[in-house]
Amino acid sequence: MLAKLTSKNQLTLPKAAVEQVRAEYYAVRTEGQSIVLTPVNLGGLDAVQVKLAALGIAQTDAKAAVNWARTKLPANRISKQKRSTRAK
């Protein structure tokens, strides 16, 4: 199958290829001189995991980021926020 790149950097994917995959969104990456399209379902947890993996972000990195963010907000401020949301 052949696809031509337009002057606006757009590709029209061959109908036969699109009918086999049936996806609306694709993650795009390069491998050497190749462009690789991977179907992505934006509505699910799988899409998030695929994106994180593509970015090289491990589960331990995400946990570390959450812990870091929690240490940046003082504990007394967190408890005040919880109390103010309960009062509403």
PDB file of N, CA and C in Angstrom:
ATOM      1  N   MET A   1       0.848  -1.178   0.000  1.00  0.00           N
ATOM      2  CA  MET A   1       0.000   0.000   0.000  1.00  0.00           C
ATOM      3  C   MET A   1       0.890   1.236   0.000  1.00  0.00           C
ATOM      4  N   LEU A   2       0.394   2.274  -0.623  1.00  0.00           N
ATOM      5  CA  LEU A   2       1.170   3.489  -0.770  1.00  0.00           C
ATOM      6  C   LEU A   2       0.336   4.684  -0.320  1.00  0.00           C
ATOM      7  N   ALA A   3       0.949   5.610   0.401  1.00  0.00           N
ATOM      8  CA  ALA A   3       0.285   6.850   0.823  1.00  0.00           C
ATOM      9  C   ALA A   3       1.215   8.003   0.480  1.00  0.00           C
ATOM     10  N   LYS A   4       0.638   9.110  -0.007  1.00  0.00           N
ATOM     11  CA  LYS A   4       1.444  10.260  -0.410  1.00  0.00           C
ATOM     12  C   LYS A   4       1.323  11.371   0.621  1.00  0.00           C
ATOM     13  N   LEU A   5       2.454  11.965   0.978  1.00  0.00           N
ATOM     14  CA  LEU A   5       2.494  13.098   1.894  1.00  0.00           C
ATOM     15  C   LEU A   5       2.210  14.366   1.102  1.00  0.00           C
ATOM     16  N   THR A   6       1.226  15.160   1.560  1.00  0.00           N
ATOM     17  CA  THR A   6       0.887  16.397   0.862  1.00  0.00           C
ATOM     18  C   THR A   6       1.795  17.533   1.313  1.00  0.00           C
ATOM     19  N   SER A   7       1.663  18.676   0.662  1.00  0.00           N
ATOM     20  CA  SER A   7       2.460  19.850   1.031  1.00  0.00           C
ATOM     21  C   SER A   7       2.099  20.360   2.424  1.00  0.00           C
ATOM     22  N   LYS A   8       0.946  19.941   2.941  1.00  0.00           N
ATOM     23  CA  LYS A   8       0.503  20.345   4.283  1.00  0.00           C
ATOM     24  C   LYS A   8       0.796  19.257   5.321  1.00  0.00           C
ATOM     25  N   ASN A   9       1.714  18.346   5.004  1.00  0.00           N
ATOM     26  CA  ASN A   9       2.097  17.242   5.899  1.00  0.00           C
ATOM     27  C   ASN A   9       0.924  16.347   6.271  1.00  0.00           C
ATOM     28  N   GLN A  10       0.043  16.101   5.337  1.00  0.00           N
ATOM     29  CA  GLN A  10      -1.094  15.217   5.584  1.00  0.00           C
ATOM     30  C   GLN A  10      -0.957  13.955   4.746  1.00  0.00           C
ATOM     31  N   LEU A  11      -1.425  12.847   5.319  1.00  0.00           N
ATOM     32  CA  LEU A  11      -1.444  11.569   4.618  1.00  0.00           C
ATOM     33  C   LEU A  11      -2.875  11.078   4.524  1.00  0.00           C
ATOM     34  N   THR A  12      -3.225  10.493   3.400  1.00  0.00           N
ATOM     35  CA  THR A  12      -4.491   9.780   3.294  1.00  0.00           C
ATOM     36  C   THR A  12      -4.149   8.305   3.381  1.00  0.00           C
ATOM     37  N   LEU A  13      -4.683   7.664   4.398  1.00  0.00           N
ATOM     38  CA  LEU A  13      -4.382   6.249   4.598  1.00  0.00           C
ATOM     39  C   LEU A  13      -5.205   5.404   3.636  1.00  0.00           C
ATOM     40  N   PRO A  14      -4.628   4.345   3.100  1.00  0.00           N
ATOM     41  CA  PRO A  14      -5.370   3.474   2.194  1.00  0.00           C
ATOM     42  C   PRO A  14      -6.605   2.883   2.883  1.00  0.00           C
ATOM     43  N   LYS A  15      -7.707   2.854   2.145  1.00  0.00           N
ATOM     44  CA  LYS A  15      -8.981   2.378   2.689  1.00  0.00           C
ATOM     45  C   LYS A  15      -8.856   0.959   3.259  1.00  0.00           C
ATOM     46  N   ALA A  16      -8.142   0.092   2.577  1.00  0.00           N
ATOM     47  CA  ALA A  16      -7.997  -1.295   3.040  1.00  0.00           C
ATOM     48  C   ALA A  16      -7.332  -1.354   4.415  1.00  0.00           C
ATOM     49  N   ALA A  17      -6.346  -0.512   4.646  1.00  0.00           N
ATOM     50  CA  ALA A  17      -5.664  -0.496   5.943  1.00  0.00           C
ATOM     51  C   ALA A  17      -6.581   0.039   7.032  1.00  0.00           C
ATOM     52  N   VAL A  18      -7.301   1.107   6.735  1.00  0.00           N
ATOM     53  CA  VAL A  18      -8.193   1.729   7.723  1.00  0.00           C
ATOM     54  C   VAL A  18      -9.340   0.790   8.090  1.00  0.00           C
ATOM     55  N   GLU A  19      -9.864   0.067   7.116  1.00  0.00           N
ATOM     56  CA  GLU A  19     -10.969  -0.862   7.390  1.00  0.00           C
ATOM     57  C   GLU A  19     -10.534  -2.010   8.298  1.00  0.00           C
ATOM     58  N   GLN A  20      -9.285  -2.417   8.223  1.00  0.00           N
ATOM     59  CA  GLN A  20      -8.798  -3.500   9.083  1.00  0.00           C
ATOM     60  C   GLN A  20      -8.625  -3.044  10.523  1.00  0.00           C
ATOM     61  N   VAL A  21      -8.249  -1.793  10.735  1.00  0.00           N
ATOM     62  CA  VAL A  21      -7.935  -1.304  12.074  1.00  0.00           C
ATOM     63  C   VAL A  21      -9.134  -0.640  12.732  1.00  0.00           C
ATOM     64  N   ARG A  22      -9.871   0.154  11.999  1.00  0.00           N
ATOM     65  CA  ARG A  22     -11.065   0.862  12.484  1.00  0.00           C
ATOM     66  C   ARG A  22     -10.801   1.661  13.759  1.00  0.00           C
ATOM     67  N   ALA A  23      -9.851   2.569  13.700  1.00  0.00           N
ATOM     68  CA  ALA A  23      -9.562   3.460  14.827  1.00  0.00           C
ATOM     69  C   ALA A  23      -9.658   4.901  14.345  1.00  0.00           C
ATOM     70  N   GLU A  24     -10.035   5.794  15.246  1.00  0.00           N
ATOM     71  CA  GLU A  24     -10.139   7.209  14.901  1.00  0.00           C
ATOM     72  C   GLU A  24      -8.851   7.960  15.238  1.00  0.00           C
ATOM     73  N   TYR A  25      -8.148   7.513  16.278  1.00  0.00           N
ATOM     74  CA  TYR A  25      -6.916   8.173  16.714  1.00  0.00           C
ATOM     75  C   TYR A  25      -5.758   7.183  16.707  1.00  0.00           C
ATOM     76  N   TYR A  26      -4.576   7.715  16.415  1.00  0.00           N
ATOM     77  CA  TYR A  26      -3.371   6.899  16.365  1.00  0.00           C
ATOM     78  C   TYR A  26      -2.239   7.587  17.115  1.00  0.00           C
ATOM     79  N   ALA A  27      -1.478   6.822  17.872  1.00  0.00           N
ATOM     80  CA  ALA A  27      -0.236   7.330  18.456  1.00  0.00           C
ATOM     81  C   ALA A  27       0.813   7.235  17.352  1.00  0.00           C
ATOM     82  N   VAL A  28       1.634   8.262  17.224  1.00  0.00           N
ATOM     83  CA  VAL A  28       2.627   8.314  16.154  1.00  0.00           C
ATOM     84  C   VAL A  28       4.022   8.320  16.767  1.00  0.00           C
ATOM     85  N   ARG A  29       4.890   7.453  16.247  1.00  0.00           N
ATOM     86  CA  ARG A  29       6.281   7.445  16.691  1.00  0.00           C
ATOM     87  C   ARG A  29       7.155   7.098  15.490  1.00  0.00           C
ATOM     88  N   THR A  30       8.422   7.362  15.621  1.00  0.00           N
ATOM     89  CA  THR A  30       9.349   7.013  14.553  1.00  0.00           C
ATOM     90  C   THR A  30      10.266   5.900  15.023  1.00  0.00           C
ATOM     91  N   GLU A  31      10.629   5.056  14.092  1.00  0.00           N
ATOM     92  CA  GLU A  31      11.608   3.985  14.314  1.00  0.00           C
ATOM     93  C   GLU A  31      12.584   4.054  13.154  1.00  0.00           C
ATOM     94  N   GLY A  32      13.717   4.685  13.394  1.00  0.00           N
ATOM     95  CA  GLY A  32      14.675   4.878  12.306  1.00  0.00           C
ATOM     96  C   GLY A  32      14.062   5.762  11.235  1.00  0.00           C
ATOM     97  N   GLN A  33      13.946   5.242  10.033  1.00  0.00           N
ATOM     98  CA  GLN A  33      13.367   5.992   8.914  1.00  0.00           C
ATOM     99  C   GLN A  33      11.884   5.684   8.711  1.00  0.00           C
ATOM    100  N   SER A  34      11.257   4.985   9.652  1.00  0.00           N
ATOM    101  CA  SER A  34       9.847   4.608   9.524  1.00  0.00           C
ATOM    102  C   SER A  34       8.973   5.410  10.474  1.00  0.00           C
ATOM    103  N   ILE A  35       7.751   5.683  10.043  1.00  0.00           N
ATOM    104  CA  ILE A  35       6.730   6.294  10.893  1.00  0.00           C
ATOM    105  C   ILE A  35       5.757   5.183  11.259  1.00  0.00           C
ATOM    106  N   VAL A  36       5.526   4.989  12.555  1.00  0.00           N
ATOM    107  CA  VAL A  36       4.672   3.901  13.030  1.00  0.00           C
ATOM    108  C   VAL A  36       3.411   4.493  13.640  1.00  0.00           C
ATOM    109  N   LEU A  37       2.249   4.046  13.155  1.00  0.00           N
ATOM    110  CA  LEU A  37       0.957   4.466  13.694  1.00  0.00           C
ATOM    111  C   LEU A  37       0.398   3.322  14.526  1.00  0.00           C
ATOM    112  N   THR A  38      -0.010   3.630  15.757  1.00  0.00           N
ATOM    113  CA  THR A  38      -0.599   2.631  16.635  1.00  0.00           C
ATOM    114  C   THR A  38      -1.992   3.097  17.033  1.00  0.00           C
ATOM    115  N   PRO A  39      -3.034   2.290  16.781  1.00  0.00           N
ATOM    116  CA  PRO A  39      -4.388   2.709  17.147  1.00  0.00           C
ATOM    117  C   PRO A  39      -4.503   2.978  18.644  1.00  0.00           C
ATOM    118  N   VAL A  40      -5.243   4.037  18.991  1.00  0.00           N
ATOM    119  CA  VAL A  40      -5.419   4.425  20.388  1.00  0.00           C
ATOM    120  C   VAL A  40      -6.898   4.657  20.648  1.00  0.00           C
ATOM    121  N   ASN A  41      -7.392   4.099  21.763  1.00  0.00           N
ATOM    122  CA  ASN A  41      -8.748   4.371  22.224  1.00  0.00           C
ATOM    123  C   ASN A  41      -8.628   5.427  23.311  1.00  0.00           C
ATOM    124  N   LEU A  42      -9.011   6.656  23.020  1.00  0.00           N
ATOM    125  CA  LEU A  42      -8.799   7.757  23.947  1.00  0.00           C
ATOM    126  C   LEU A  42      -9.646   7.682  25.203  1.00  0.00           C
ATOM    127  N   GLY A  43     -10.698   6.893  25.211  1.00  0.00           N
ATOM    128  CA  GLY A  43     -11.601   6.884  26.342  1.00  0.00           C
ATOM    129  C   GLY A  43     -11.219   5.949  27.474  1.00  0.00           C
ATOM    130  N   GLY A  44     -10.187   5.151  27.321  1.00  0.00           N
ATOM    131  CA  GLY A  44      -9.945   4.143  28.332  1.00  0.00           C
ATOM    132  C   GLY A  44      -8.607   4.246  29.026  1.00  0.00           C
ATOM    133  N   LEU A  45      -8.491   3.461  30.058  1.00  0.00           N
ATOM    134  CA  LEU A  45      -7.262   3.382  30.830  1.00  0.00           C
ATOM    135  C   LEU A  45      -6.118   2.863  29.971  1.00  0.00           C
ATOM    136  N   ASP A  46      -6.426   1.992  29.026  1.00  0.00           N
ATOM    137  CA  ASP A  46      -5.391   1.459  28.149  1.00  0.00           C
ATOM    138  C   ASP A  46      -4.671   2.570  27.397  1.00  0.00           C
ATOM    139  N   ALA A  47      -5.421   3.588  26.962  1.00  0.00           N
ATOM    140  CA  ALA A  47      -4.817   4.699  26.225  1.00  0.00           C
ATOM    141  C   ALA A  47      -3.811   5.439  27.095  1.00  0.00           C
ATOM    142  N   VAL A  48      -4.148   5.621  28.354  1.00  0.00           N
ATOM    143  CA  VAL A  48      -3.238   6.306  29.278  1.00  0.00           C
ATOM    144  C   VAL A  48      -1.978   5.472  29.469  1.00  0.00           C
ATOM    145  N   GLN A  49      -2.143   4.177  29.658  1.00  0.00           N
ATOM    146  CA  GLN A  49      -0.992   3.303  29.860  1.00  0.00           C
ATOM    147  C   GLN A  49      -0.101   3.259  28.621  1.00  0.00           C
ATOM    148  N   VAL A  50      -0.716   3.238  27.440  1.00  0.00           N
ATOM    149  CA  VAL A  50       0.055   3.238  26.198  1.00  0.00           C
ATOM    150  C   VAL A  50       0.847   4.528  26.072  1.00  0.00           C
ATOM    151  N   LYS A  51       0.210   5.651  26.368  1.00  0.00           N
ATOM    152  CA  LYS A  51       0.876   6.951  26.262  1.00  0.00           C
ATOM    153  C   LYS A  51       2.031   7.056  27.256  1.00  0.00           C
ATOM    154  N   LEU A  52       1.798   6.645  28.506  1.00  0.00           N
ATOM    155  CA  LEU A  52       2.859   6.685  29.512  1.00  0.00           C
ATOM    156  C   LEU A  52       4.035   5.801  29.100  1.00  0.00           C
ATOM    157  N   ALA A  53       3.728   4.628  28.580  1.00  0.00           N
ATOM    158  CA  ALA A  53       4.792   3.724  28.134  1.00  0.00           C
ATOM    159  C   ALA A  53       5.566   4.339  26.971  1.00  0.00           C
ATOM    160  N   ALA A  54       4.850   4.980  26.054  1.00  0.00           N
ATOM    161  CA  ALA A  54       5.513   5.627  24.915  1.00  0.00           C
ATOM    162  C   ALA A  54       6.435   6.748  25.368  1.00  0.00           C
ATOM    163  N   LEU A  55       6.064   7.407  26.455  1.00  0.00           N
ATOM    164  CA  LEU A  55       6.879   8.490  26.999  1.00  0.00           C
ATOM    165  C   LEU A  55       7.985   7.987  27.924  1.00  0.00           C
ATOM    166  N   GLY A  56       7.976   6.677  28.190  1.00  0.00           N
ATOM    167  CA  GLY A  56       8.995   6.103  29.064  1.00  0.00           C
ATOM    168  C   GLY A  56       8.737   6.362  30.539  1.00  0.00           C
ATOM    169  N   ILE A  57       7.474   6.598  30.898  1.00  0.00           N
ATOM    170  CA  ILE A  57       7.112   6.869  32.292  1.00  0.00           C
ATOM    171  C   ILE A  57       6.608   5.578  32.925  1.00  0.00           C
ATOM    172  N   ALA A  58       7.319   5.098  33.932  1.00  0.00           N
ATOM    173  CA  ALA A  58       6.946   3.858  34.615  1.00  0.00           C
ATOM    174  C   ALA A  58       5.969   4.151  35.750  1.00  0.00           C
ATOM    175  N   GLN A  59       5.328   3.105  36.248  1.00  0.00           N
ATOM    176  CA  GLN A  59       4.387   3.252  37.357  1.00  0.00           C
ATOM    177  C   GLN A  59       5.083   3.844  38.582  1.00  0.00           C
ATOM    178  N   THR A  60       6.334   3.470  38.803  1.00  0.00           N
ATOM    179  CA  THR A  60       7.074   4.024  39.946  1.00  0.00           C
ATOM    180  C   THR A  60       7.316   5.519  39.773  1.00  0.00           C
ATOM    181  N   ASP A  61       7.486   5.973  38.528  1.00  0.00           N
ATOM    182  CA  ASP A  61       7.653   7.409  38.266  1.00  0.00           C
ATOM    183  C   ASP A  61       6.383   8.170  38.633  1.00  0.00           C
ATOM    184  N   ALA A  62       5.230   7.599  38.272  1.00  0.00           N
ATOM    185  CA  ALA A  62       3.954   8.250  38.582  1.00  0.00           C
ATOM    186  C   ALA A  62       3.744   8.333  40.093  1.00  0.00           C
ATOM    187  N   LYS A  63       4.061   7.252  40.795  1.00  0.00           N
ATOM    188  CA  LYS A  63       3.928   7.262  42.260  1.00  0.00           C
ATOM    189  C   LYS A  63       4.847   8.307  42.878  1.00  0.00           C
ATOM    190  N   ALA A  64       6.065   8.395  42.377  1.00  0.00           N
ATOM    191  CA  ALA A  64       7.019   9.381  42.894  1.00  0.00           C
ATOM    192  C   ALA A  64       6.517  10.800  42.642  1.00  0.00           C
ATOM    193  N   ALA A  65       5.892  11.031  41.495  1.00  0.00           N
ATOM    194  CA  ALA A  65       5.365  12.360  41.180  1.00  0.00           C
ATOM    195  C   ALA A  65       4.225  12.734  42.120  1.00  0.00           C
ATOM    196  N   VAL A  66       3.353  11.782  42.422  1.00  0.00           N
ATOM    197  CA  VAL A  66       2.252  12.040  43.359  1.00  0.00           C
ATOM    198  C   VAL A  66       2.809  12.342  44.746  1.00  0.00           C
ATOM    199  N   ASN A  67       3.763  11.556  45.195  1.00  0.00           N
ATOM    200  CA  ASN A  67       4.374  11.800  46.510  1.00  0.00           C
ATOM    201  C   ASN A  67       5.055  13.158  46.555  1.00  0.00           C
ATOM    202  N   TRP A  68       5.744  13.530  45.493  1.00  0.00           N
ATOM    203  CA  TRP A  68       6.406  14.835  45.426  1.00  0.00           C
ATOM    204  C   TRP A  68       5.374  15.953  45.536  1.00  0.00           C
ATOM    205  N   ALA A  69       4.270  15.823  44.780  1.00  0.00           N
ATOM    206  CA  ALA A  69       3.234  16.857  44.808  1.00  0.00           C
ATOM    207  C   ALA A  69       2.609  16.974  46.197  1.00  0.00           C
ATOM    208  N   ARG A  70       2.419  15.858  46.850  1.00  0.00           N
ATOM    209  CA  ARG A  70       1.829  15.883  48.191  1.00  0.00           C
ATOM    210  C   ARG A  70       2.751  16.545  49.207  1.00  0.00           C
ATOM    211  N   THR A  71       4.046  16.430  49.036  1.00  0.00           N
ATOM    212  CA  THR A  71       4.968  17.069  49.980  1.00  0.00           C
ATOM    213  C   THR A  71       5.053  18.571  49.755  1.00  0.00           C
ATOM    214  N   LYS A  72       4.628  19.046  48.604  1.00  0.00           N
ATOM    215  CA  LYS A  72       4.687  20.477  48.308  1.00  0.00           C
ATOM    216  C   LYS A  72       3.514  21.235  48.930  1.00  0.00           C
ATOM    217  N   LEU A  73       2.476  20.531  49.354  1.00  0.00           N
ATOM    218  CA  LEU A  73       1.307  21.147  49.973  1.00  0.00           C
ATOM    219  C   LEU A  73       1.334  20.811  51.458  1.00  0.00           C
ATOM    220  N   PRO A  74       1.491  21.800  52.327  1.00  0.00           N
ATOM    221  CA  PRO A  74       1.574  21.515  53.765  1.00  0.00           C
ATOM    222  C   PRO A  74       0.354  20.751  54.274  1.00  0.00           C
ATOM    223  N   ALA A  75       0.587  19.868  55.235  1.00  0.00           N
ATOM    224  CA  ALA A  75      -0.486  19.022  55.773  1.00  0.00           C
ATOM    225  C   ALA A  75      -1.605  19.848  56.375  1.00  0.00           C
ATOM    226  N   ASN A  76      -1.281  20.953  57.073  1.00  0.00           N
ATOM    227  CA  ASN A  76      -2.348  21.748  57.683  1.00  0.00           C
ATOM    228  C   ASN A  76      -3.207  22.412  56.611  1.00  0.00           C
ATOM    229  N   ARG A  77      -2.643  22.725  55.470  1.00  0.00           N
ATOM    230  CA  ARG A  77      -3.425  23.318  54.386  1.00  0.00           C
ATOM    231  C   ARG A  77      -4.370  22.284  53.790  1.00  0.00           C
ATOM    232  N   ILE A  78      -3.913  21.045  53.680  1.00  0.00           N
ATOM    233  CA  ILE A  78      -4.761  19.978  53.159  1.00  0.00           C
ATOM    234  C   ILE A  78      -5.959  19.775  54.078  1.00  0.00           C
ATOM    235  N   SER A  79      -5.733  19.725  55.383  1.00  0.00           N
ATOM    236  CA  SER A  79      -6.845  19.496  56.308  1.00  0.00           C
ATOM    237  C   SER A  79      -7.826  20.662  56.272  1.00  0.00           C
ATOM    238  N   LYS A  80      -7.347  21.892  56.100  1.00  0.00           N
ATOM    239  CA  LYS A  80      -8.246  23.038  55.975  1.00  0.00           C
ATOM    240  C   LYS A  80      -9.095  22.928  54.720  1.00  0.00           C
ATOM    241  N   GLN A  81      -8.492  22.458  53.619  1.00  0.00           N
ATOM    242  CA  GLN A  81      -9.244  22.291  52.382  1.00  0.00           C
ATOM    243  C   GLN A  81     -10.330  21.237  52.552  1.00  0.00           C
ATOM    244  N   LYS A  82     -10.028  20.151  53.241  1.00  0.00           N
ATOM    245  CA  LYS A  82     -11.023  19.106  53.470  1.00  0.00           C
ATOM    246  C   LYS A  82     -12.179  19.644  54.302  1.00  0.00           C
ATOM    247  N   ARG A  83     -11.854  20.434  55.341  1.00  0.00           N
ATOM    248  CA  ARG A  83     -12.913  20.995  56.186  1.00  0.00           C
ATOM    249  C   ARG A  83     -13.784  21.958  55.390  1.00  0.00           C
ATOM    250  N   SER A  84     -13.183  22.776  54.541  1.00  0.00           N
ATOM    251  CA  SER A  84     -13.962  23.767  53.799  1.00  0.00           C
ATOM    252  C   SER A  84     -14.871  23.101  52.775  1.00  0.00           C
ATOM    253  N   THR A  85     -14.467  21.968  52.207  1.00  0.00           N
ATOM    254  CA  THR A  85     -15.333  21.281  51.248  1.00  0.00           C
ATOM    255  C   THR A  85     -16.477  20.569  51.958  1.00  0.00           C
ATOM    256  N   ARG A  86     -16.254  20.125  53.187  1.00  0.00           N
ATOM    257  CA  ARG A  86     -17.338  19.484  53.951  1.00  0.00           C
ATOM    258  C   ARG A  86     -18.394  20.500  54.353  1.00  0.00           C
ATOM    259  N   ALA A  87     -17.984  21.725  54.633  1.00  0.00           N
ATOM    260  CA  ALA A  87     -18.917  22.752  55.100  1.00  0.00           C
ATOM    261  C   ALA A  87     -19.870  23.192  53.999  1.00  0.00           C
ATOM    262  N   LYS A  88     -19.478  22.999  52.745  1.00  0.00           N
ATOM    263  CA  LYS A  88     -20.307  23.469  51.623  1.00  0.00           C
ATOM    264  C   LYS A  88     -21.411  22.558  51.331  1.00  0.00           C
TER     265      LYS A  88
END
